[in-house]
Amino acid sequence: MKIIKQVMLVTLFFILITSIAGAQTISQASTPEEVGLSKERLQRISAWLQTDVDKKDIPGAVVMVLRKGKIAYYEAFGYQDREKNIPMARNSIFRLYSMTKPFTSLAIMMLAEEGKVFLPVPVSRYLPEFKDLKVGVEKKDPATDKTELVLEKANREMTVQDLLRHTSGITYGIFGKSMVKDLYNKANLIDFNQTSAELVTKFSKLPLQYHPGTTWDYSMSTDILARIVEITSGVDFETFISDRITKPLKLADTAYWAEGAERLARLAEPQIDPATGQRPLRTLDATKKKKWAPGAMGLVSTAHDYARFCLMLLYGGTRDGVRLVSPKTIEHMTSNHIPPGYKYANPVQMQILWPSPSMETGQGFGLGFAITCEPERSPLPGSKGTYYWYGAFGTTFFVDPKEELIAIIMTQAPGKEIPLHYRLRHYVYQAFSY
């Protein structure tokens, strides 16, 4: 009996050690001052977000600020679910929406390193349906004075690089108005009952908004990339993200749905709109597995998980001894890929609401991220080479490699991501002490 007890104790000890080793938490700075940030000035973030919660601008939020690989600030505010009076917690889970896109870009670059995907080649090498796509051009008929959509042969085929940097000619049907966008909306492209293969078939029957390689326009290009991942890897996209990215990085709460009762209990919700008495219509159902795992949206995650992902990016593709890609690949991804002379769709919107990309604001675009190229032109503080993005329900992040800085804000407040990003940038940089 004594021997059995000793064996059990040894077994429990090793289970405990394994559990601790598997947790892989991020180091905490002893004080913010240790990493060159002012504790007093960081509290301005707390005052700002608590005010927004009290005014019901947002239901709640989680914010994490890291410098030199250590957490300097990590706080939760308000409600995970205001209507149910559930307080926000540091480990609350959020719908990432477009903050899913960097995962997809990374997946493509992993396959590029393996020689399975090549960025300069036509997309039709992987998706033959994309061989002869046409461009929809609106032209007015002088005889009838009516505007018609005329289909033109594309100047060239779109490349994988075009998909990564949003210069493919594809657009989103939900931003702005055009006859092509109307066709997108009628095609029901955002349908979680479809597969990636079925989505590609839909796109193959639609015209492009622009000639490939001429115009930057935020688009569903990343969803096409997800299908290329499936074809070149031989596994479905959701499995690839899990097996090749989230599991190796130990992102325990990052997936395409909040699986299990414990995770569902931590899922943050947008607050009810007083005008309608309902939650926002575009709220993704994160409570169950879906047929389609989009490359452009759909993941759920925590601030801590996303910080681990950003740390991997910041430190050249590796985290805790696990290397996903080489430092040169990260350098390539986070460099500007928009050549001089390219046009930018919705320039007023891009300059005022989205500081990316435009020559006027010094912002470019890499392979999955917006990039600060000329800080002297930027409306936001940050070093040259800072990269960042947003999610439609209020999530945002940025990484400043020069300062070894990461900042993340998670909330579920549709349409608040841009002002939140602006203010997060200012409040973080004003807290620098060296």
Protein backbone atom coordinates (compact mmCIF):
# COMPACT_ATOMS: atom_id res chain seq x y z
CA MET A 1 0.00 0.00 0.00
CA LYS A 2 2.87 2.33 0.89
CA ILE A 3 4.52 1.65 -2.48
CA ILE A 4 1.22 2.32 -4.29
CA LYS A 5 0.86 5.68 -2.49
CA GLN A 6 4.42 6.63 -3.42
CA VAL A 7 3.77 5.75 -7.06
CA MET A 8 0.57 7.80 -7.02
CA LEU A 9 2.37 10.80 -5.51
CA VAL A 10 5.14 10.59 -8.11
CA THR A 11 2.53 10.32 -10.88
CA LEU A 12 0.61 13.34 -9.56
CA PHE A 13 3.87 15.29 -9.32
CA PHE A 14 4.71 14.63 -12.97
CA ILE A 15 1.14 15.49 -14.03
CA LEU A 16 1.44 18.79 -12.15
CA ILE A 17 4.82 19.57 -13.69
CA THR A 18 3.52 18.72 -17.17
CA SER A 19 0.47 20.93 -16.63
CA ILE A 20 2.60 23.86 -15.50
CA ALA A 21 4.96 23.40 -18.43
CA GLY A 22 2.03 23.23 -20.85
CA ALA A 23 0.43 26.42 -19.57
CA GLN A 24 3.17 28.57 -21.14
CA THR A 25 2.06 31.85 -19.61
CA ILE A 26 3.66 35.15 -20.62
CA SER A 27 6.20 36.70 -18.24
CA GLN A 28 4.98 39.60 -16.12
CA ALA A 29 7.16 42.67 -15.61
CA SER A 30 7.80 43.36 -11.93
CA THR A 31 6.64 46.91 -12.62
CA PRO A 32 5.84 48.72 -15.88
CA GLU A 33 8.92 50.83 -15.21
CA GLU A 34 11.07 47.70 -15.63
CA VAL A 35 10.22 47.74 -19.35
CA GLY A 36 10.21 51.50 -19.81
CA LEU A 37 6.55 52.30 -19.21
CA SER A 38 4.96 54.49 -16.55
CA LYS A 39 2.51 52.74 -14.24
CA GLU A 40 0.83 56.05 -13.47
CA ARG A 41 0.38 56.96 -17.12
CA LEU A 42 -0.87 53.47 -18.04
CA GLN A 43 -3.73 54.06 -15.62
CA ARG A 44 -5.09 56.55 -18.14
CA ILE A 45 -6.11 53.49 -20.16
CA SER A 46 -8.16 52.33 -17.18
CA ALA A 47 -9.88 55.69 -16.81
CA TRP A 48 -10.67 55.86 -20.54
CA LEU A 49 -12.19 52.38 -20.81
CA GLN A 50 -14.11 52.57 -17.55
CA THR A 51 -15.67 55.80 -18.81
CA ASP A 52 -16.64 54.11 -22.09
CA VAL A 53 -18.23 51.25 -20.14
CA ASP A 54 -20.12 53.65 -17.88
CA LYS A 55 -21.41 55.58 -20.91
CA LYS A 56 -22.44 52.25 -22.49
CA ASP A 57 -20.26 52.92 -25.52
CA ILE A 58 -18.87 49.41 -25.04
CA PRO A 59 -20.01 46.52 -22.83
CA GLY A 60 -16.51 45.84 -21.55
CA ALA A 61 -12.95 45.19 -22.67
CA VAL A 62 -9.69 43.41 -21.97
CA VAL A 63 -6.43 45.24 -22.65
CA MET A 64 -2.89 43.90 -22.65
CA VAL A 65 0.29 45.92 -23.19
CA LEU A 66 3.64 44.16 -23.46
CA ARG A 67 7.15 45.48 -23.88
CA LYS A 68 10.40 43.56 -24.22
CA GLY A 69 8.41 40.32 -24.06
CA LYS A 70 6.80 41.05 -20.68
CA ILE A 71 3.31 42.12 -19.65
CA ALA A 72 3.27 45.68 -18.35
CA TYR A 73 -0.50 46.16 -18.25
CA TYR A 74 -3.30 43.59 -18.29
CA GLU A 75 -6.79 44.59 -17.16
CA ALA A 76 -10.44 43.72 -17.70
CA PHE A 77 -13.26 46.27 -17.62
CA GLY A 78 -17.03 46.21 -17.59
CA TYR A 79 -19.10 43.26 -18.68
CA GLN A 80 -18.58 40.08 -20.62
CA ASP A 81 -22.37 40.15 -20.99
CA ARG A 82 -23.99 43.36 -19.79
CA GLU A 83 -27.55 42.04 -20.01
CA LYS A 84 -26.73 38.99 -17.88
CA ASN A 85 -24.57 41.08 -15.52
CA ILE A 86 -21.54 38.83 -16.11
CA PRO A 87 -18.33 40.77 -15.43
CA MET A 88 -15.53 40.81 -17.97
CA ALA A 89 -12.55 38.62 -17.08
CA ARG A 90 -9.01 38.53 -18.38
CA ASN A 91 -9.69 35.13 -19.94
CA SER A 92 -12.96 36.11 -21.62
CA ILE A 93 -13.23 34.86 -25.21
CA PHE A 94 -13.92 37.19 -28.15
CA ARG A 95 -14.92 36.89 -31.80
CA LEU A 96 -11.88 38.13 -33.72
CA TYR A 97 -13.55 38.80 -37.07
CA SER A 98 -10.79 40.22 -39.34
CA MET A 99 -8.05 39.64 -36.77
CA THR A 100 -8.37 36.09 -38.15
CA LYS A 101 -6.66 37.25 -41.36
CA PRO A 102 -3.07 37.24 -39.98
CA PHE A 103 -3.47 33.54 -39.12
CA THR A 104 -4.42 32.80 -42.72
CA SER A 105 -1.52 34.82 -44.08
CA LEU A 106 0.83 32.93 -41.78
CA ALA A 107 -0.59 29.61 -42.99
CA ILE A 108 0.14 30.57 -46.61
CA MET A 109 3.69 31.63 -45.73
CA MET A 110 4.31 28.36 -43.91
CA LEU A 111 3.34 26.52 -47.08
CA ALA A 112 5.47 28.90 -49.13
CA GLU A 113 8.48 27.97 -47.01
CA GLU A 114 7.74 24.31 -47.77
CA GLY A 115 7.67 25.00 -51.51
CA LYS A 116 3.97 24.18 -51.79
CA VAL A 117 2.82 27.75 -52.53
CA PHE A 118 4.55 30.40 -54.63
CA LEU A 119 3.57 34.04 -54.20
CA PRO A 120 4.35 35.40 -57.71
CA VAL A 121 2.36 32.75 -59.61
CA PRO A 122 -1.23 33.11 -60.85
CA VAL A 123 -3.92 31.95 -58.46
CA SER A 124 -5.21 29.76 -61.29
CA ARG A 125 -2.26 27.40 -60.71
CA TYR A 126 -4.10 26.31 -57.56
CA LEU A 127 -7.64 27.30 -58.53
CA PRO A 128 -8.18 26.65 -62.27
CA GLU A 129 -11.61 28.32 -62.02
CA PHE A 130 -9.82 31.67 -61.69
CA LYS A 131 -8.07 31.38 -65.07
CA ASP A 132 -10.20 33.78 -67.13
CA LEU A 133 -11.90 36.12 -64.67
CA LYS A 134 -13.39 39.29 -66.12
CA VAL A 135 -13.43 42.81 -64.69
CA GLY A 136 -16.76 44.60 -64.28
CA VAL A 137 -16.58 48.17 -65.59
CA GLU A 138 -19.51 50.58 -65.27
CA LYS A 139 -20.16 52.49 -68.50
CA LYS A 140 -22.94 54.88 -69.44
CA ASP A 141 -24.79 54.21 -72.69
CA PRO A 142 -25.07 57.61 -74.47
CA ALA A 143 -28.21 56.50 -76.27
CA THR A 144 -30.16 55.57 -73.15
CA ASP A 145 -28.19 57.48 -70.50
CA LYS A 146 -28.25 54.28 -68.45
CA THR A 147 -25.21 52.83 -66.71
CA GLU A 148 -24.40 49.27 -67.66
CA LEU A 149 -21.87 46.78 -66.34
CA VAL A 150 -19.47 45.82 -69.13
CA LEU A 151 -17.16 42.84 -68.67
CA GLU A 152 -13.55 43.29 -69.76
CA LYS A 153 -10.70 40.82 -69.94
CA ALA A 154 -8.36 41.35 -66.99
CA ASN A 155 -5.01 42.99 -67.79
CA ARG A 156 -3.32 40.07 -66.05
CA GLU A 157 -4.17 37.20 -63.73
CA MET A 158 -4.21 37.79 -60.00
CA THR A 159 -1.32 36.26 -58.05
CA VAL A 160 -1.11 34.77 -54.57
CA GLN A 161 0.75 37.92 -53.52
CA ASP A 162 -2.22 39.97 -54.76
CA LEU A 163 -4.52 37.99 -52.48
CA LEU A 164 -2.22 38.54 -49.49
CA ARG A 165 -1.95 42.30 -50.01
CA HIS A 166 -5.55 42.94 -51.19
CA THR A 167 -4.67 43.94 -54.76
CA SER A 168 -6.41 40.98 -56.40
CA GLY A 169 -9.31 42.97 -57.85
CA ILE A 170 -11.71 41.24 -55.45
CA THR A 171 -13.69 43.45 -53.08
CA TYR A 172 -16.20 43.19 -50.21
CA GLY A 173 -19.86 43.65 -51.02
CA ILE A 174 -20.52 45.35 -47.69
CA PHE A 175 -18.30 48.44 -48.05
CA GLY A 176 -19.45 51.10 -50.49
CA LYS A 177 -21.66 50.82 -53.57
CA SER A 178 -21.04 49.52 -57.08
CA MET A 179 -22.70 47.21 -59.57
CA VAL A 180 -20.07 44.55 -58.88
CA LYS A 181 -20.68 44.83 -55.14
CA ASP A 182 -24.39 44.35 -55.80
CA LEU A 183 -23.56 41.09 -57.57
CA TYR A 184 -21.43 40.03 -54.60
CA ASN A 185 -24.33 40.60 -52.22
CA LYS A 186 -26.76 38.68 -54.42
CA ALA A 187 -24.32 35.75 -54.57
CA ASN A 188 -24.52 35.28 -50.78
CA LEU A 189 -20.76 34.93 -50.46
CA ILE A 190 -20.76 35.01 -46.66
CA ASP A 191 -22.62 31.77 -45.99
CA PHE A 192 -21.52 29.44 -43.20
CA ASN A 193 -23.40 26.54 -44.80
CA GLN A 194 -20.99 26.50 -47.75
CA THR A 195 -17.50 25.03 -48.08
CA SER A 196 -14.40 26.92 -49.19
CA ALA A 197 -14.60 25.03 -52.49
CA GLU A 198 -18.19 26.21 -53.02
CA LEU A 199 -17.16 29.79 -52.24
CA VAL A 200 -14.42 29.63 -54.87
CA THR A 201 -16.97 28.39 -57.41
CA LYS A 202 -19.19 31.39 -56.61
CA PHE A 203 -16.28 33.79 -57.08
CA SER A 204 -15.33 32.20 -60.41
CA LYS A 205 -18.71 33.28 -61.79
CA LEU A 206 -18.43 36.90 -60.63
CA PRO A 207 -16.54 39.81 -62.19
CA LEU A 208 -13.66 41.51 -60.42
CA GLN A 209 -14.08 45.06 -59.17
CA TYR A 210 -10.63 46.09 -60.48
CA HIS A 211 -7.89 44.86 -62.76
CA PRO A 212 -5.51 42.78 -60.61
CA GLY A 213 -2.43 44.61 -59.39
CA THR A 214 -3.83 48.13 -59.82
CA THR A 215 -5.87 48.94 -56.71
CA TRP A 216 -5.72 48.23 -53.00
CA ASP A 217 -9.19 47.39 -51.73
CA TYR A 218 -9.97 45.55 -48.51
CA SER A 219 -11.59 42.34 -49.66
CA MET A 220 -12.52 38.69 -49.33
CA SER A 221 -9.17 37.73 -50.85
CA THR A 222 -8.15 36.06 -47.60
CA ASP A 223 -11.06 33.63 -47.92
CA ILE A 224 -9.62 32.54 -51.27
CA LEU A 225 -6.26 32.00 -49.57
CA ALA A 226 -7.92 29.56 -47.16
CA ARG A 227 -8.93 27.37 -50.10
CA ILE A 228 -5.36 27.45 -51.43
CA VAL A 229 -4.20 26.25 -48.01
CA GLU A 230 -6.60 23.30 -48.26
CA ILE A 231 -5.52 22.33 -51.77
CA THR A 232 -1.78 22.58 -51.15
CA SER A 233 -1.72 21.06 -47.65
CA GLY A 234 -4.26 18.29 -48.22
CA VAL A 235 -6.24 19.08 -45.06
CA ASP A 236 -9.24 21.31 -44.38
CA PHE A 237 -8.44 24.86 -43.34
CA GLU A 238 -9.75 24.60 -39.79
CA THR A 239 -7.57 21.54 -39.16
CA PHE A 240 -4.50 23.28 -40.61
CA ILE A 241 -4.94 26.29 -38.33
CA SER A 242 -5.37 24.02 -35.32
CA ASP A 243 -2.61 21.50 -36.02
CA ARG A 244 0.00 23.86 -37.45
CA ILE A 245 -0.56 27.13 -35.54
CA THR A 246 -2.79 27.15 -32.47
CA LYS A 247 -1.69 23.84 -30.95
CA PRO A 248 2.07 24.38 -31.43
CA LEU A 249 1.76 27.89 -29.95
CA LYS A 250 -0.44 26.55 -27.12
CA LEU A 251 -3.29 28.93 -27.96
CA ALA A 252 -5.78 26.92 -25.93
CA ASP A 253 -8.74 29.25 -26.49
CA THR A 254 -8.21 30.10 -30.16
CA ALA A 255 -10.47 28.19 -32.53
CA TYR A 256 -13.41 28.56 -34.91
CA TRP A 257 -15.90 28.17 -32.07
CA ALA A 258 -15.96 28.22 -28.28
CA GLU A 259 -16.03 24.46 -27.78
CA GLY A 260 -17.28 23.08 -24.46
CA ALA A 261 -19.36 24.48 -21.61
CA GLU A 262 -16.37 26.09 -19.88
CA ARG A 263 -15.39 28.12 -22.96
CA LEU A 264 -18.99 29.01 -23.79
CA ALA A 265 -19.29 30.45 -20.30
CA ARG A 266 -16.40 32.81 -21.12
CA LEU A 267 -17.73 34.00 -24.49
CA ALA A 268 -18.15 37.79 -24.55
CA GLU A 269 -21.28 39.23 -26.13
CA PRO A 270 -22.10 42.59 -27.72
CA GLN A 271 -24.62 44.61 -25.78
CA ILE A 272 -28.21 44.99 -26.90
CA ASP A 273 -28.91 48.05 -29.03
CA PRO A 274 -31.52 50.15 -27.15
CA ALA A 275 -32.97 51.31 -30.47
CA THR A 276 -33.80 47.77 -31.63
CA GLY A 277 -33.83 45.76 -28.41
CA GLN A 278 -31.57 43.21 -30.12
CA ARG A 279 -27.92 42.29 -30.40
CA PRO A 280 -26.18 43.34 -33.65
CA LEU A 281 -27.37 41.43 -36.71
CA ARG A 282 -23.87 40.50 -37.89
CA THR A 283 -22.93 38.70 -34.67
CA LEU A 284 -21.18 35.46 -35.64
CA ASP A 285 -22.47 32.33 -33.97
CA ALA A 286 -19.44 31.14 -32.02
CA THR A 287 -21.34 28.50 -30.05
CA LYS A 288 -21.12 25.64 -32.56
CA LYS A 289 -18.95 24.18 -35.30
CA LYS A 290 -19.78 25.44 -38.79
CA LYS A 291 -19.36 23.93 -42.24
CA TRP A 292 -17.23 26.84 -43.48
CA ALA A 293 -14.10 28.06 -41.70
CA PRO A 294 -13.37 31.40 -43.43
CA GLY A 295 -9.86 32.68 -43.89
CA ALA A 296 -10.98 36.27 -43.34
CA MET A 297 -12.95 35.92 -40.10
CA GLY A 298 -14.40 33.41 -37.69
CA LEU A 299 -11.76 32.67 -35.06
CA VAL A 300 -12.41 33.29 -31.38
CA SER A 301 -9.59 33.99 -28.94
CA THR A 302 -8.48 35.68 -25.74
CA ALA A 303 -6.19 38.65 -25.24
CA HIS A 304 -3.58 36.29 -23.76
CA ASP A 305 -3.70 33.89 -26.72
CA TYR A 306 -3.47 36.71 -29.23
CA ALA A 307 -0.54 38.17 -27.33
CA ARG A 308 1.29 34.84 -27.66
CA PHE A 309 0.60 34.94 -31.40
CA CYS A 310 1.96 38.50 -31.58
CA LEU A 311 5.05 37.54 -29.57
CA MET A 312 5.75 34.83 -32.12
CA LEU A 313 5.57 37.47 -34.85
CA LEU A 314 7.66 39.99 -32.91
CA TYR A 315 10.45 37.52 -32.23
CA GLY A 316 10.85 36.24 -35.76
CA GLY A 317 8.42 33.33 -36.05
CA THR A 318 9.22 31.45 -32.86
CA ARG A 319 7.76 31.13 -29.36
CA ASP A 320 8.84 28.91 -26.46
CA GLY A 321 11.14 26.87 -28.64
CA VAL A 322 8.54 26.30 -31.37
CA ARG A 323 9.40 27.78 -34.76
CA LEU A 324 6.56 28.27 -37.25
CA VAL A 325 8.43 30.29 -39.88
CA SER A 326 11.84 31.90 -40.30
CA PRO A 327 12.69 35.46 -39.20
CA LYS A 328 13.10 36.40 -42.87
CA THR A 329 9.56 35.25 -43.60
CA ILE A 330 8.20 37.48 -40.82
CA GLU A 331 10.32 40.33 -42.19
CA HIS A 332 8.82 39.72 -45.63
CA MET A 333 5.26 39.62 -44.27
CA THR A 334 5.64 42.84 -42.30
CA SER A 335 7.21 44.87 -45.11
CA ASN A 336 5.18 47.14 -47.37
CA HIS A 337 4.06 45.35 -50.55
CA ILE A 338 2.10 48.20 -52.17
CA PRO A 339 4.22 49.66 -55.01
CA PRO A 340 4.16 53.38 -55.87
CA GLY A 341 1.39 54.30 -58.28
CA TYR A 342 -1.24 51.91 -56.96
CA LYS A 343 -4.71 53.30 -56.40
CA TYR A 344 -6.58 53.05 -53.11
CA ALA A 345 -10.28 52.29 -52.98
CA ASN A 346 -12.52 54.66 -51.01
CA PRO A 347 -9.64 57.10 -50.35
CA VAL A 348 -11.67 59.37 -48.06
CA GLN A 349 -12.74 56.43 -45.92
CA MET A 350 -9.20 55.05 -45.85
CA GLN A 351 -7.68 58.36 -44.74
CA ILE A 352 -10.24 59.31 -42.12
CA LEU A 353 -11.43 56.00 -40.74
CA TRP A 354 -8.77 53.47 -41.67
CA PRO A 355 -5.18 54.68 -41.43
CA SER A 356 -4.22 52.02 -43.98
CA PRO A 357 -3.02 52.11 -46.59
CA SER A 358 -2.62 55.50 -48.24
CA MET A 359 0.28 57.67 -49.32
CA GLU A 360 -1.25 60.62 -47.48
CA THR A 361 -1.11 58.88 -44.10
CA GLY A 362 2.15 57.02 -44.65
CA GLN A 363 0.54 53.60 -44.32
CA GLY A 364 1.22 50.63 -46.57
CA PHE A 365 0.14 47.02 -46.51
CA GLY A 366 2.17 43.85 -46.13
CA LEU A 367 1.16 40.21 -46.36
CA GLY A 368 -1.67 40.28 -43.86
CA PHE A 369 -1.08 43.52 -41.95
CA ALA A 370 -1.21 47.27 -42.40
CA ILE A 371 2.27 48.78 -42.08
CA THR A 372 3.44 52.20 -40.91
CA CYS A 373 5.94 53.19 -43.61
CA GLU A 374 6.34 56.92 -42.99
CA PRO A 375 5.64 57.84 -39.34
CA GLU A 376 5.98 61.53 -40.17
CA ARG A 377 2.81 61.28 -42.29
CA SER A 378 0.85 59.08 -39.90
CA PRO A 379 -2.05 60.42 -37.81
CA LEU A 380 -1.07 57.88 -35.15
CA PRO A 381 2.08 57.53 -33.05
CA GLY A 382 4.32 54.57 -33.77
CA SER A 383 7.68 53.64 -35.21
CA LYS A 384 8.46 52.86 -38.81
CA GLY A 385 7.60 49.21 -39.37
CA THR A 386 4.74 49.05 -36.86
CA TYR A 387 2.12 46.60 -38.13
CA TYR A 388 -1.48 46.23 -37.07
CA TRP A 389 -5.05 45.34 -37.89
CA TYR A 390 -8.63 45.26 -36.58
CA GLY A 391 -11.72 43.14 -36.22
CA ALA A 392 -15.24 44.38 -37.02
CA PHE A 393 -16.53 43.83 -33.48
CA GLY A 394 -14.02 46.07 -31.73
CA THR A 395 -10.83 44.02 -31.50
CA THR A 396 -7.52 45.58 -32.51
CA PHE A 397 -3.78 45.10 -32.06
CA PHE A 398 -0.46 46.59 -33.07
CA VAL A 399 3.15 45.45 -32.91
CA ASP A 400 6.05 47.93 -32.87
CA PRO A 401 9.21 45.87 -33.49
CA LYS A 402 11.59 48.79 -32.90
CA GLU A 403 10.24 49.27 -29.37
CA GLU A 404 9.51 45.55 -28.75
CA LEU A 405 5.95 46.68 -28.06
CA ILE A 406 2.62 44.87 -28.39
CA ALA A 407 -0.80 46.25 -27.48
CA ILE A 408 -4.13 44.45 -27.77
CA ILE A 409 -7.68 45.45 -26.99
CA MET A 410 -10.57 42.99 -27.05
CA THR A 411 -14.22 43.98 -26.89
CA GLN A 412 -17.46 43.09 -28.70
CA ALA A 413 -18.65 46.48 -29.88
CA PRO A 414 -19.35 46.62 -33.65
CA GLY A 415 -17.85 49.62 -35.41
CA LYS A 416 -15.77 50.77 -32.43
CA GLU A 417 -12.50 49.20 -33.59
CA ILE A 418 -11.16 52.29 -35.36
CA PRO A 419 -11.61 54.85 -32.54
CA LEU A 420 -10.43 52.22 -30.05
CA HIS A 421 -7.26 51.66 -32.09
CA TYR A 422 -6.61 55.40 -32.34
CA ARG A 423 -6.93 55.92 -28.61
CA LEU A 424 -5.06 52.77 -27.66
CA ARG A 425 -2.08 53.96 -29.71
CA HIS A 426 -2.04 57.36 -28.03
CA TYR A 427 -2.50 56.04 -24.49
CA VAL A 428 0.22 53.40 -24.88
CA TYR A 429 2.86 55.66 -26.40
CA GLN A 430 2.22 58.47 -23.92
CA ALA A 431 3.14 55.99 -21.17
CA PHE A 432 6.72 55.54 -22.44
CA SER A 433 9.44 56.56 -19.97
CA TYR A 434 12.38 55.49 -22.18
